[in-house]
Amino acid sequence: MTFFVRRTGFFLATLWAAVTLNFLIPRLEPGDPAEALLARLTSRTEAVDPAQLAAVRKLLGTPDGNLLQQYWEYLGALAQGHFGVSYTYYPYSVTDVISEAMPWTLVLVGVTQILSFAVGTALGAWAAYRRNSRTDSLITLGSTFIGTLPFFWIGLLLIFVFAITLNWFPEGGGYGGGSQPGWTWLFFSDAFQHSVLPAVSLLITGPIGWILGMRNNMVQNLGEDYARLARAKGLPKRRIALTYGARIAILPNVTGFAIALGSILGGTVLVESIFNYPGMGRLLLEAVSNKDFPLMQTLFLFTTVGVLVANFLADIAYGFLDPRVRRKEAT
């Protein structure tokens, strides 16, 4: 019980620190979103009219008052689920903008993360089970080689081969002009075709970290004294690998997988930019480029909270998977 109470306390303290930093960082950045919007609408050589600037600030709802007052208003808005109005997509609220982009990222990145973890962990365990064999060399060296390839090069190569040369899949976007978002077969089939190349680009490099991490951890565990004792007792090699090697070696991967799932809310900026995919990553890039502080702040908050919650759940899972962790905390 002490283990779980302590982990909950750490989670709440870290969550408060993350929320506070998320409030402070955008306000410490140079630049004024109202001035940036006026500069886009008018000539940059003209002097900024103070009356126009004040009107735009009022229109955007730019916070004023002292920092402490803004902080309490910010906490109150968070408690009510109000994140403000997006400067880039005015007059739409940040909630509306994110709600349109989030399903695209959850489907694309979520599915590829789960597949990458499953495939990478299985291949890493198999390589460790067949360590120092041709299979082990093929898996580890092949993964290392693929990991050296630039990610943007892989994405552009997929576009050139399968979209431009063979014309099998669209070059980018979430769906074509012939379909509209809705619960129809036409839209789902069109969205699936547009997501194939981004998903493949993520699946090419996604399993590499899981492969190498699982393989190295499992090889180390199979060399421990308890594994030698199991072999001395005559236990089958496969049972030793699964029970004494893979079960313990997968624990670090569980933590990494939980954090990877938590970071899904942030999207993948590079992939979504290359394939012009309408997800959270491209939305974050637009928010940073346009100094859209409410949208930027909310995206950072979602990503941070997602990682913290995932890390907290991984700690709880650790306590159940490995009783030694609970005993160590109790002492």
C-alpha atoms as a PDB file:
ATOM      1  CA  MET A   1       0.000   0.000   0.000  1.00  0.00           C
ATOM      2  CA  THR A   2       2.884   2.381   0.767  1.00  0.00           C
ATOM      3  CA  PHE A   3       4.182   1.907  -2.775  1.00  0.00           C
ATOM      4  CA  PHE A   4       0.900   2.931  -4.415  1.00  0.00           C
ATOM      5  CA  VAL A   5       0.296   5.885  -2.057  1.00  0.00           C
ATOM      6  CA  ARG A   6       3.789   7.226  -2.664  1.00  0.00           C
ATOM      7  CA  ARG A   7       3.468   6.860  -6.427  1.00  0.00           C
ATOM      8  CA  THR A   8       0.116   8.689  -6.337  1.00  0.00           C
ATOM      9  CA  GLY A   9       1.675  11.547  -4.369  1.00  0.00           C
ATOM     10  CA  PHE A  10       4.568  11.835  -6.843  1.00  0.00           C
ATOM     11  CA  PHE A  11       2.079  11.850  -9.729  1.00  0.00           C
ATOM     12  CA  LEU A  12      -0.033  14.662  -8.243  1.00  0.00           C
ATOM     13  CA  ALA A  13       3.024  16.791  -7.423  1.00  0.00           C
ATOM     14  CA  THR A  14       4.476  16.319 -10.904  1.00  0.00           C
ATOM     15  CA  LEU A  15       1.101  17.071 -12.496  1.00  0.00           C
ATOM     16  CA  TRP A  16       0.868  20.363 -10.588  1.00  0.00           C
ATOM     17  CA  ALA A  17       4.414  21.313 -11.640  1.00  0.00           C
ATOM     18  CA  ALA A  18       3.626  20.467 -15.287  1.00  0.00           C
ATOM     19  CA  VAL A  19       0.444  22.543 -15.267  1.00  0.00           C
ATOM     20  CA  THR A  20       2.297  25.495 -13.700  1.00  0.00           C
ATOM     21  CA  LEU A  21       5.149  25.334 -16.207  1.00  0.00           C
ATOM     22  CA  ASN A  22       2.624  25.045 -19.026  1.00  0.00           C
ATOM     23  CA  PHE A  23       1.123  28.307 -17.789  1.00  0.00           C
ATOM     24  CA  LEU A  24       4.455  30.145 -17.442  1.00  0.00           C
ATOM     25  CA  ILE A  25       6.393  29.116 -20.560  1.00  0.00           C
ATOM     26  CA  PRO A  26       4.104  30.680 -23.216  1.00  0.00           C
ATOM     27  CA  ARG A  27       3.977  33.922 -21.215  1.00  0.00           C
ATOM     28  CA  LEU A  28       7.773  34.090 -21.041  1.00  0.00           C
ATOM     29  CA  GLU A  29       8.167  33.717 -24.812  1.00  0.00           C
ATOM     30  CA  PRO A  30       8.932  36.919 -26.742  1.00  0.00           C
ATOM     31  CA  GLY A  31       6.314  38.309 -29.078  1.00  0.00           C
ATOM     32  CA  ASP A  32       2.677  39.315 -28.914  1.00  0.00           C
ATOM     33  CA  PRO A  33       0.044  37.202 -30.710  1.00  0.00           C
ATOM     34  CA  ALA A  34      -2.052  40.302 -31.338  1.00  0.00           C
ATOM     35  CA  GLU A  35       0.902  42.038 -33.022  1.00  0.00           C
ATOM     36  CA  ALA A  36       1.636  38.893 -35.043  1.00  0.00           C
ATOM     37  CA  LEU A  37      -1.974  38.773 -36.270  1.00  0.00           C
ATOM     38  CA  LEU A  38      -1.924  42.449 -37.222  1.00  0.00           C
ATOM     39  CA  ALA A  39       1.366  41.937 -39.063  1.00  0.00           C
ATOM     40  CA  ARG A  40      -0.194  39.167 -41.152  1.00  0.00           C
ATOM     41  CA  LEU A  41      -3.244  41.305 -41.958  1.00  0.00           C
ATOM     42  CA  THR A  42      -1.451  44.574 -42.698  1.00  0.00           C
ATOM     43  CA  SER A  43       1.805  45.697 -44.249  1.00  0.00           C
ATOM     44  CA  ARG A  44       4.791  45.047 -42.036  1.00  0.00           C
ATOM     45  CA  THR A  45       6.176  48.504 -42.866  1.00  0.00           C
ATOM     46  CA  GLU A  46       3.220  50.291 -41.278  1.00  0.00           C
ATOM     47  CA  ALA A  47       3.321  51.368 -37.660  1.00  0.00           C
ATOM     48  CA  VAL A  48       1.012  49.438 -35.366  1.00  0.00           C
ATOM     49  CA  ASP A  49      -2.005  51.472 -34.283  1.00  0.00           C
ATOM     50  CA  PRO A  50      -2.370  51.136 -30.483  1.00  0.00           C
ATOM     51  CA  ALA A  51      -6.172  51.281 -30.782  1.00  0.00           C
ATOM     52  CA  GLN A  52      -6.185  48.446 -33.324  1.00  0.00           C
ATOM     53  CA  LEU A  53      -3.775  46.459 -31.155  1.00  0.00           C
ATOM     54  CA  ALA A  54      -6.018  46.869 -28.095  1.00  0.00           C
ATOM     55  CA  ALA A  55      -9.078  45.857 -30.135  1.00  0.00           C
ATOM     56  CA  VAL A  56      -7.375  42.714 -31.435  1.00  0.00           C
ATOM     57  CA  ARG A  57      -6.233  41.776 -27.934  1.00  0.00           C
ATOM     58  CA  LYS A  58      -9.790  42.136 -26.668  1.00  0.00           C
ATOM     59  CA  LEU A  59     -11.090  40.154 -29.634  1.00  0.00           C
ATOM     60  CA  LEU A  60      -8.637  37.310 -29.021  1.00  0.00           C
ATOM     61  CA  GLY A  61      -9.204  37.342 -25.298  1.00  0.00           C
ATOM     62  CA  THR A  62      -5.534  37.949 -24.514  1.00  0.00           C
ATOM     63  CA  PRO A  63      -5.161  37.754 -20.717  1.00  0.00           C
ATOM     64  CA  ASP A  64      -4.284  40.860 -18.764  1.00  0.00           C
ATOM     65  CA  GLY A  65      -3.739  41.663 -15.122  1.00  0.00           C
ATOM     66  CA  ASN A  66      -0.912  40.482 -12.880  1.00  0.00           C
ATOM     67  CA  LEU A  67       0.607  37.040 -13.269  1.00  0.00           C
ATOM     68  CA  LEU A  68      -0.939  35.604 -10.112  1.00  0.00           C
ATOM     69  CA  GLN A  69      -4.421  36.646 -11.191  1.00  0.00           C
ATOM     70  CA  GLN A  70      -3.864  35.106 -14.616  1.00  0.00           C
ATOM     71  CA  TYR A  71      -2.686  31.908 -12.937  1.00  0.00           C
ATOM     72  CA  TRP A  72      -5.863  31.554 -10.863  1.00  0.00           C
ATOM     73  CA  GLU A  73      -7.998  32.299 -13.913  1.00  0.00           C
ATOM     74  CA  TYR A  74      -6.024  29.697 -15.843  1.00  0.00           C
ATOM     75  CA  LEU A  75      -6.583  27.034 -13.165  1.00  0.00           C
ATOM     76  CA  GLY A  76     -10.279  27.884 -13.035  1.00  0.00           C
ATOM     77  CA  ALA A  77     -10.588  27.580 -16.807  1.00  0.00           C
ATOM     78  CA  LEU A  78      -8.792  24.224 -16.737  1.00  0.00           C
ATOM     79  CA  ALA A  79     -11.144  22.944 -14.047  1.00  0.00           C
ATOM     80  CA  GLN A  80     -14.086  23.854 -16.279  1.00  0.00           C
ATOM     81  CA  GLY A  81     -12.482  22.460 -19.445  1.00  0.00           C
ATOM     82  CA  HIS A  82     -12.183  25.886 -21.114  1.00  0.00           C
ATOM     83  CA  PHE A  83      -8.987  26.348 -23.126  1.00  0.00           C
ATOM     84  CA  GLY A  84      -9.783  29.583 -24.933  1.00  0.00           C
ATOM     85  CA  VAL A  85     -10.118  30.545 -28.574  1.00  0.00           C
ATOM     86  CA  SER A  86      -7.560  29.584 -31.199  1.00  0.00           C
ATOM     87  CA  TYR A  87      -5.806  32.583 -32.736  1.00  0.00           C
ATOM     88  CA  THR A  88      -5.082  30.639 -35.927  1.00  0.00           C
ATOM     89  CA  TYR A  89      -8.598  29.279 -36.406  1.00  0.00           C
ATOM     90  CA  TYR A  90     -10.532  32.196 -34.904  1.00  0.00           C
ATOM     91  CA  PRO A  91     -13.415  32.193 -33.937  1.00  0.00           C
ATOM     92  CA  TYR A  92     -13.251  28.428 -33.285  1.00  0.00           C
ATOM     93  CA  SER A  93     -12.351  27.335 -29.774  1.00  0.00           C
ATOM     94  CA  VAL A  94      -9.239  25.312 -29.008  1.00  0.00           C
ATOM     95  CA  THR A  95     -11.440  22.390 -27.963  1.00  0.00           C
ATOM     96  CA  ASP A  96     -13.160  22.327 -31.366  1.00  0.00           C
ATOM     97  CA  VAL A  97      -9.870  22.491 -33.248  1.00  0.00           C
ATOM     98  CA  ILE A  98      -8.248  19.708 -31.209  1.00  0.00           C
ATOM     99  CA  SER A  99     -11.337  17.499 -31.337  1.00  0.00           C
ATOM    100  CA  GLU A 100     -11.089  17.463 -35.136  1.00  0.00           C
ATOM    101  CA  ALA A 101      -7.378  16.601 -35.210  1.00  0.00           C
ATOM    102  CA  MET A 102      -7.177  14.139 -32.299  1.00  0.00           C
ATOM    103  CA  PRO A 103      -9.021  11.165 -33.908  1.00  0.00           C
ATOM    104  CA  TRP A 104      -6.606  11.194 -36.847  1.00  0.00           C
ATOM    105  CA  THR A 105      -3.576  11.020 -34.566  1.00  0.00           C
ATOM    106  CA  LEU A 106      -5.093   8.467 -32.183  1.00  0.00           C
ATOM    107  CA  VAL A 107      -5.873   6.070 -35.022  1.00  0.00           C
ATOM    108  CA  LEU A 108      -2.615   6.486 -36.943  1.00  0.00           C
ATOM    109  CA  VAL A 109      -0.073   6.761 -34.118  1.00  0.00           C
ATOM    110  CA  GLY A 110      -1.988   4.554 -31.678  1.00  0.00           C
ATOM    111  CA  VAL A 111      -2.267   1.592 -34.033  1.00  0.00           C
ATOM    112  CA  THR A 112       1.332   1.885 -35.230  1.00  0.00           C
ATOM    113  CA  GLN A 113       2.671   2.190 -31.660  1.00  0.00           C
ATOM    114  CA  ILE A 114       0.842  -0.956 -30.553  1.00  0.00           C
ATOM    115  CA  LEU A 115       1.989  -2.906 -33.617  1.00  0.00           C
ATOM    116  CA  SER A 116       5.559  -1.642 -33.246  1.00  0.00           C
ATOM    117  CA  PHE A 117       5.663  -2.676 -29.584  1.00  0.00           C
ATOM    118  CA  ALA A 118       4.201  -6.135 -30.250  1.00  0.00           C
ATOM    119  CA  VAL A 119       6.404  -6.881 -33.270  1.00  0.00           C
ATOM    120  CA  GLY A 120       9.549  -5.357 -31.770  1.00  0.00           C
ATOM    121  CA  THR A 121       9.194  -7.141 -28.410  1.00  0.00           C
ATOM    122  CA  ALA A 122       8.516 -10.488 -30.087  1.00  0.00           C
ATOM    123  CA  LEU A 123      11.477 -10.139 -32.469  1.00  0.00           C
ATOM    124  CA  GLY A 124      13.761  -9.010 -29.636  1.00  0.00           C
ATOM    125  CA  ALA A 125      12.768 -12.004 -27.504  1.00  0.00           C
ATOM    126  CA  TRP A 126      13.309 -14.363 -30.429  1.00  0.00           C
ATOM    127  CA  ALA A 127      16.731 -12.863 -31.135  1.00  0.00           C
ATOM    128  CA  ALA A 128      17.711 -13.300 -27.479  1.00  0.00           C
ATOM    129  CA  TYR A 129      16.413 -16.873 -27.459  1.00  0.00           C
ATOM    130  CA  ARG A 130      18.553 -17.600 -30.573  1.00  0.00           C
ATOM    131  CA  ARG A 131      21.455 -15.422 -29.431  1.00  0.00           C
ATOM    132  CA  ASN A 132      24.760 -15.682 -31.313  1.00  0.00           C
ATOM    133  CA  SER A 133      22.982 -17.416 -34.197  1.00  0.00           C
ATOM    134  CA  ARG A 134      22.339 -16.300 -37.773  1.00  0.00           C
ATOM    135  CA  THR A 135      18.787 -15.303 -36.796  1.00  0.00           C
ATOM    136  CA  ASP A 136      20.096 -13.085 -34.007  1.00  0.00           C
ATOM    137  CA  SER A 137      22.588 -11.396 -36.342  1.00  0.00           C
ATOM    138  CA  LEU A 138      19.956 -10.850 -39.023  1.00  0.00           C
ATOM    139  CA  ILE A 139      17.485  -9.240 -36.614  1.00  0.00           C
ATOM    140  CA  THR A 140      19.925  -7.054 -34.691  1.00  0.00           C
ATOM    141  CA  LEU A 141      22.101  -5.938 -37.611  1.00  0.00           C
ATOM    142  CA  GLY A 142      19.076  -5.376 -39.836  1.00  0.00           C
ATOM    143  CA  SER A 143      17.407  -3.245 -37.162  1.00  0.00           C
ATOM    144  CA  THR A 144      20.581  -1.248 -36.563  1.00  0.00           C
ATOM    145  CA  PHE A 145      20.987  -0.569 -40.299  1.00  0.00           C
ATOM    146  CA  ILE A 146      17.381   0.591 -40.722  1.00  0.00           C
ATOM    147  CA  GLY A 147      17.791   2.819 -37.681  1.00  0.00           C
ATOM    148  CA  THR A 148      20.586   4.751 -39.431  1.00  0.00           C
ATOM    149  CA  LEU A 149      18.304   5.794 -42.302  1.00  0.00           C
ATOM    150  CA  PRO A 150      16.939   9.364 -42.032  1.00  0.00           C
ATOM    151  CA  PHE A 151      13.243   9.279 -41.275  1.00  0.00           C
ATOM    152  CA  PHE A 152      12.311  12.042 -43.712  1.00  0.00           C
ATOM    153  CA  TRP A 153      14.181  10.144 -46.444  1.00  0.00           C
ATOM    154  CA  ILE A 154      12.066   7.046 -45.780  1.00  0.00           C
ATOM    155  CA  GLY A 155       8.862   9.095 -45.999  1.00  0.00           C
ATOM    156  CA  LEU A 156       9.875  10.850 -49.208  1.00  0.00           C
ATOM    157  CA  LEU A 157      10.993   7.541 -50.733  1.00  0.00           C
ATOM    158  CA  LEU A 158       7.606   5.974 -49.969  1.00  0.00           C
ATOM    159  CA  ILE A 159       5.848   8.934 -51.585  1.00  0.00           C
ATOM    160  CA  PHE A 160       8.047   8.757 -54.692  1.00  0.00           C
ATOM    161  CA  VAL A 161       7.701   4.990 -55.185  1.00  0.00           C
ATOM    162  CA  PHE A 162       4.132   4.205 -54.134  1.00  0.00           C
ATOM    163  CA  ALA A 163       2.366   7.525 -54.729  1.00  0.00           C
ATOM    164  CA  ILE A 164       4.112   9.170 -57.674  1.00  0.00           C
ATOM    165  CA  THR A 165       5.659   6.247 -59.619  1.00  0.00           C
ATOM    166  CA  LEU A 166       3.193   3.400 -59.005  1.00  0.00           C
ATOM    167  CA  ASN A 167       0.206   5.629 -58.107  1.00  0.00           C
ATOM    168  CA  TRP A 168      -1.037   3.055 -55.584  1.00  0.00           C
ATOM    169  CA  PHE A 169      -1.714   5.479 -52.741  1.00  0.00           C
ATOM    170  CA  PRO A 170      -2.342   9.243 -52.387  1.00  0.00           C
ATOM    171  CA  GLU A 171       0.624  11.526 -51.769  1.00  0.00           C
ATOM    172  CA  GLY A 172      -0.776  13.028 -48.579  1.00  0.00           C
ATOM    173  CA  GLY A 173      -3.729  14.397 -46.687  1.00  0.00           C
ATOM    174  CA  GLY A 174      -6.306  12.653 -44.553  1.00  0.00           C
ATOM    175  CA  TYR A 175      -8.929  12.104 -47.236  1.00  0.00           C
ATOM    176  CA  GLY A 176      -9.627  13.132 -50.802  1.00  0.00           C
ATOM    177  CA  GLY A 177     -11.919  15.786 -52.181  1.00  0.00           C
ATOM    178  CA  GLY A 178     -14.465  13.211 -53.287  1.00  0.00           C
ATOM    179  CA  SER A 179     -15.446  12.218 -49.742  1.00  0.00           C
ATOM    180  CA  GLN A 180     -16.580  14.066 -46.648  1.00  0.00           C
ATOM    181  CA  PRO A 181     -15.918  13.048 -43.000  1.00  0.00           C
ATOM    182  CA  GLY A 182     -18.728  10.845 -41.764  1.00  0.00           C
ATOM    183  CA  TRP A 183     -19.721   7.314 -40.867  1.00  0.00           C
ATOM    184  CA  THR A 184     -19.731   6.095 -44.442  1.00  0.00           C
ATOM    185  CA  TRP A 185     -17.817   3.337 -46.199  1.00  0.00           C
ATOM    186  CA  LEU A 186     -16.573   5.805 -48.841  1.00  0.00           C
ATOM    187  CA  PHE A 187     -14.938   8.018 -46.214  1.00  0.00           C
ATOM    188  CA  PHE A 188     -13.371   5.146 -44.228  1.00  0.00           C
ATOM    189  CA  SER A 189     -11.916   3.506 -47.335  1.00  0.00           C
ATOM    190  CA  ASP A 190     -10.557   6.858 -48.544  1.00  0.00           C
ATOM    191  CA  ALA A 191      -9.076   7.674 -45.110  1.00  0.00           C
ATOM    192  CA  PHE A 192      -7.490   4.216 -44.951  1.00  0.00           C
ATOM    193  CA  GLN A 193      -5.777   4.696 -48.309  1.00  0.00           C
ATOM    194  CA  HIS A 194      -4.418   8.066 -47.188  1.00  0.00           C
ATOM    195  CA  SER A 195      -3.087   6.591 -43.912  1.00  0.00           C
ATOM    196  CA  VAL A 196      -1.201   3.630 -45.418  1.00  0.00           C
ATOM    197  CA  LEU A 197       2.020   5.447 -46.333  1.00  0.00           C
ATOM    198  CA  PRO A 198       2.292   7.391 -43.032  1.00  0.00           C
ATOM    199  CA  ALA A 199       1.624   4.170 -41.105  1.00  0.00           C
ATOM    200  CA  VAL A 200       4.228   2.214 -43.077  1.00  0.00           C
ATOM    201  CA  SER A 201       6.826   4.941 -42.520  1.00  0.00           C
ATOM    202  CA  LEU A 202       6.192   4.710 -38.763  1.00  0.00           C
ATOM    203  CA  LEU A 203       6.242   0.889 -38.759  1.00  0.00           C
ATOM    204  CA  ILE A 204       9.588   0.728 -40.564  1.00  0.00           C
ATOM    205  CA  THR A 205      11.489   2.434 -37.762  1.00  0.00           C
ATOM    206  CA  GLY A 206       9.039   2.016 -34.868  1.00  0.00           C
ATOM    207  CA  PRO A 207       9.959  -1.544 -33.732  1.00  0.00           C
ATOM    208  CA  ILE A 208      13.736  -0.948 -33.705  1.00  0.00           C
ATOM    209  CA  GLY A 209      13.981   0.375 -30.160  1.00  0.00           C
ATOM    210  CA  TRP A 210      11.757  -2.390 -28.806  1.00  0.00           C
ATOM    211  CA  ILE A 211      13.818  -5.056 -30.621  1.00  0.00           C
ATOM    212  CA  LEU A 212      17.189  -3.947 -29.330  1.00  0.00           C
ATOM    213  CA  GLY A 213      15.939  -3.164 -25.821  1.00  0.00           C
ATOM    214  CA  MET A 214      14.155  -6.483 -25.395  1.00  0.00           C
ATOM    215  CA  ARG A 215      17.038  -8.462 -26.862  1.00  0.00           C
ATOM    216  CA  ASN A 216      19.708  -6.875 -24.653  1.00  0.00           C
ATOM    217  CA  ASN A 217      17.643  -7.069 -21.457  1.00  0.00           C
ATOM    218  CA  MET A 218      16.699 -10.689 -22.050  1.00  0.00           C
ATOM    219  CA  VAL A 219      20.261 -11.764 -22.845  1.00  0.00           C
ATOM    220  CA  GLN A 220      21.424 -10.137 -19.601  1.00  0.00           C
ATOM    221  CA  ASN A 221      18.674 -11.847 -17.574  1.00  0.00           C
ATOM    222  CA  LEU A 222      19.440 -15.242 -19.077  1.00  0.00           C
ATOM    223  CA  GLY A 223      22.993 -14.882 -17.762  1.00  0.00           C
ATOM    224  CA  GLU A 224      21.890 -14.286 -14.165  1.00  0.00           C
ATOM    225  CA  ASP A 225      22.316 -16.855 -11.385  1.00  0.00           C
ATOM    226  CA  TYR A 226      18.627 -17.769 -11.222  1.00  0.00           C
ATOM    227  CA  ALA A 227      18.663 -18.658 -14.940  1.00  0.00           C
ATOM    228  CA  ARG A 228      21.763 -20.824 -14.439  1.00  0.00           C
ATOM    229  CA  LEU A 229      20.060 -22.548 -11.503  1.00  0.00           C
ATOM    230  CA  ALA A 230      16.999 -23.237 -13.652  1.00  0.00           C
ATOM    231  CA  ARG A 231      19.207 -24.802 -16.331  1.00  0.00           C
ATOM    232  CA  ALA A 232      20.987 -26.881 -13.660  1.00  0.00           C
ATOM    233  CA  LYS A 233      17.600 -28.194 -12.519  1.00  0.00           C
ATOM    234  CA  GLY A 234      16.924 -29.397 -16.045  1.00  0.00           C
ATOM    235  CA  LEU A 235      14.101 -26.991 -16.975  1.00  0.00           C
ATOM    236  CA  PRO A 236      13.402 -26.753 -20.715  1.00  0.00           C
ATOM    237  CA  LYS A 237      15.257 -24.015 -22.551  1.00  0.00           C
ATOM    238  CA  ARG A 238      12.072 -22.425 -23.871  1.00  0.00           C
ATOM    239  CA  ARG A 239      10.511 -22.251 -20.399  1.00  0.00           C
ATOM    240  CA  ILE A 240      13.643 -20.627 -18.997  1.00  0.00           C
ATOM    241  CA  ALA A 241      13.593 -18.062 -21.818  1.00  0.00           C
ATOM    242  CA  LEU A 242       9.925 -17.178 -21.301  1.00  0.00           C
ATOM    243  CA  THR A 243       9.644 -17.413 -17.507  1.00  0.00           C
ATOM    244  CA  TYR A 244      13.073 -16.230 -16.345  1.00  0.00           C
ATOM    245  CA  GLY A 245      14.176 -14.120 -19.293  1.00  0.00           C
ATOM    246  CA  ALA A 246      11.294 -12.521 -21.151  1.00  0.00           C
ATOM    247  CA  ARG A 247       9.057 -11.900 -18.128  1.00  0.00           C
ATOM    248  CA  ILE A 248      11.641  -9.704 -16.421  1.00  0.00           C
ATOM    249  CA  ALA A 249      13.189  -8.260 -19.566  1.00  0.00           C
ATOM    250  CA  ILE A 250       9.842  -6.888 -20.731  1.00  0.00           C
ATOM    251  CA  LEU A 251       9.474  -4.609 -17.674  1.00  0.00           C
ATOM    252  CA  PRO A 252      11.562  -1.711 -19.090  1.00  0.00           C
ATOM    253  CA  ASN A 253       9.681  -2.076 -22.376  1.00  0.00           C
ATOM    254  CA  VAL A 254       6.389  -1.739 -20.513  1.00  0.00           C
ATOM    255  CA  THR A 255       7.501   1.616 -19.125  1.00  0.00           C
ATOM    256  CA  GLY A 256       8.682   2.778 -22.527  1.00  0.00           C
ATOM    257  CA  PHE A 257       5.481   1.589 -24.166  1.00  0.00           C
ATOM    258  CA  ALA A 258       3.346   3.423 -21.612  1.00  0.00           C
ATOM    259  CA  ILE A 259       5.249   6.669 -22.169  1.00  0.00           C
ATOM    260  CA  ALA A 260       5.012   6.170 -25.946  1.00  0.00           C
ATOM    261  CA  LEU A 261       1.247   5.754 -25.671  1.00  0.00           C
ATOM    262  CA  GLY A 262       1.038   8.848 -23.498  1.00  0.00           C
ATOM    263  CA  SER A 263       2.939  10.901 -26.065  1.00  0.00           C
ATOM    264  CA  ILE A 264       0.453   9.931 -28.784  1.00  0.00           C
ATOM    265  CA  LEU A 265      -1.542  13.076 -27.986  1.00  0.00           C
ATOM    266  CA  GLY A 266       1.392  15.143 -29.222  1.00  0.00           C
ATOM    267  CA  GLY A 267       1.299  13.444 -32.602  1.00  0.00           C
ATOM    268  CA  THR A 268       4.293  13.046 -34.876  1.00  0.00           C
ATOM    269  CA  VAL A 269       5.273  16.426 -36.283  1.00  0.00           C
ATOM    270  CA  LEU A 270       7.663  15.109 -38.945  1.00  0.00           C
ATOM    271  CA  VAL A 271       5.388  12.395 -40.344  1.00  0.00           C
ATOM    272  CA  GLU A 272       2.283  14.552 -40.371  1.00  0.00           C
ATOM    273  CA  SER A 273       4.215  17.392 -42.023  1.00  0.00           C
ATOM    274  CA  ILE A 274       5.706  15.187 -44.746  1.00  0.00           C
ATOM    275  CA  PHE A 275       2.371  13.546 -45.586  1.00  0.00           C
ATOM    276  CA  ASN A 276       0.248  16.653 -44.831  1.00  0.00           C
ATOM    277  CA  TYR A 277      -1.735  14.512 -42.396  1.00  0.00           C
ATOM    278  CA  PRO A 278      -4.401  16.411 -40.382  1.00  0.00           C
ATOM    279  CA  GLY A 279      -3.285  15.301 -36.926  1.00  0.00           C
ATOM    280  CA  MET A 280      -2.053  16.816 -33.686  1.00  0.00           C
ATOM    281  CA  GLY A 281       1.556  17.068 -34.849  1.00  0.00           C
ATOM    282  CA  ARG A 282       0.738  19.300 -37.792  1.00  0.00           C
ATOM    283  CA  LEU A 283      -1.578  21.305 -35.551  1.00  0.00           C
ATOM    284  CA  LEU A 284       1.284  21.894 -33.111  1.00  0.00           C
ATOM    285  CA  LEU A 285       3.540  23.066 -35.924  1.00  0.00           C
ATOM    286  CA  GLU A 286       0.901  25.566 -37.056  1.00  0.00           C
ATOM    287  CA  ALA A 287       0.380  26.789 -33.485  1.00  0.00           C
ATOM    288  CA  VAL A 288       4.097  27.426 -32.972  1.00  0.00           C
ATOM    289  CA  SER A 289       4.456  29.145 -36.355  1.00  0.00           C
ATOM    290  CA  ASN A 290       1.487  31.461 -35.737  1.00  0.00           C
ATOM    291  CA  LYS A 291       2.188  32.158 -32.027  1.00  0.00           C
ATOM    292  CA  ASP A 292      -1.188  30.636 -31.225  1.00  0.00           C
ATOM    293  CA  PHE A 293      -0.600  30.517 -27.464  1.00  0.00           C
ATOM    294  CA  PRO A 294      -3.948  28.994 -26.385  1.00  0.00           C
ATOM    295  CA  LEU A 295      -3.671  26.168 -28.921  1.00  0.00           C
ATOM    296  CA  MET A 296       0.028  25.641 -28.282  1.00  0.00           C
ATOM    297  CA  GLN A 297      -0.463  25.657 -24.526  1.00  0.00           C
ATOM    298  CA  THR A 298      -3.313  23.132 -24.692  1.00  0.00           C
ATOM    299  CA  LEU A 299      -1.395  20.776 -26.979  1.00  0.00           C
ATOM    300  CA  PHE A 300       1.613  20.852 -24.648  1.00  0.00           C
ATOM    301  CA  LEU A 301      -0.692  20.258 -21.684  1.00  0.00           C
ATOM    302  CA  PHE A 302      -2.380  17.270 -23.319  1.00  0.00           C
ATOM    303  CA  THR A 303       0.972  15.739 -24.221  1.00  0.00           C
ATOM    304  CA  THR A 304       2.458  16.306 -20.756  1.00  0.00           C
ATOM    305  CA  VAL A 305      -0.581  14.982 -18.916  1.00  0.00           C
ATOM    306  CA  GLY A 306      -0.744  11.984 -21.240  1.00  0.00           C
ATOM    307  CA  VAL A 307       2.882  11.076 -20.535  1.00  0.00           C
ATOM    308  CA  LEU A 308       2.433  11.572 -16.781  1.00  0.00           C
ATOM    309  CA  VAL A 309      -0.685   9.412 -16.636  1.00  0.00           C
ATOM    310  CA  ALA A 310       0.974   6.721 -18.747  1.00  0.00           C
ATOM    311  CA  ASN A 311       4.085   6.776 -16.538  1.00  0.00           C
ATOM    312  CA  PHE A 312       1.890   6.542 -13.410  1.00  0.00           C
ATOM    313  CA  LEU A 313       0.035   3.536 -14.824  1.00  0.00           C
ATOM    314  CA  ALA A 314       3.370   1.942 -15.745  1.00  0.00           C
ATOM    315  CA  ASP A 315       4.561   2.367 -12.139  1.00  0.00           C
ATOM    316  CA  ILE A 316       1.384   0.697 -10.892  1.00  0.00           C
ATOM    317  CA  ALA A 317       1.837  -2.117 -13.414  1.00  0.00           C
ATOM    318  CA  TYR A 318       5.435  -2.526 -12.217  1.00  0.00           C
ATOM    319  CA  GLY A 319       4.161  -3.076  -8.701  1.00  0.00           C
ATOM    320  CA  PHE A 320       1.937  -5.905  -9.860  1.00  0.00           C
ATOM    321  CA  LEU A 321       4.387  -7.495 -12.324  1.00  0.00           C
ATOM    322  CA  ASP A 322       7.417  -7.414 -10.033  1.00  0.00           C
ATOM    323  CA  PRO A 323       6.673  -7.823  -6.286  1.00  0.00           C
ATOM    324  CA  ARG A 324      10.298  -6.921  -5.489  1.00  0.00           C
ATOM    325  CA  VAL A 325       9.496  -3.292  -6.333  1.00  0.00           C
ATOM    326  CA  ARG A 326       6.748  -3.143  -3.688  1.00  0.00           C
ATOM    327  CA  ARG A 327       8.974  -4.755  -1.058  1.00  0.00           C
ATOM    328  CA  LYS A 328      11.791  -2.327  -1.818  1.00  0.00           C
ATOM    329  CA  GLU A 329       9.466   0.684  -1.414  1.00  0.00           C
ATOM    330  CA  ALA A 330       8.109  -0.694   1.871  1.00  0.00           C
ATOM    331  CA  THR A 331      11.595  -0.883   3.350  1.00  0.00           C
END
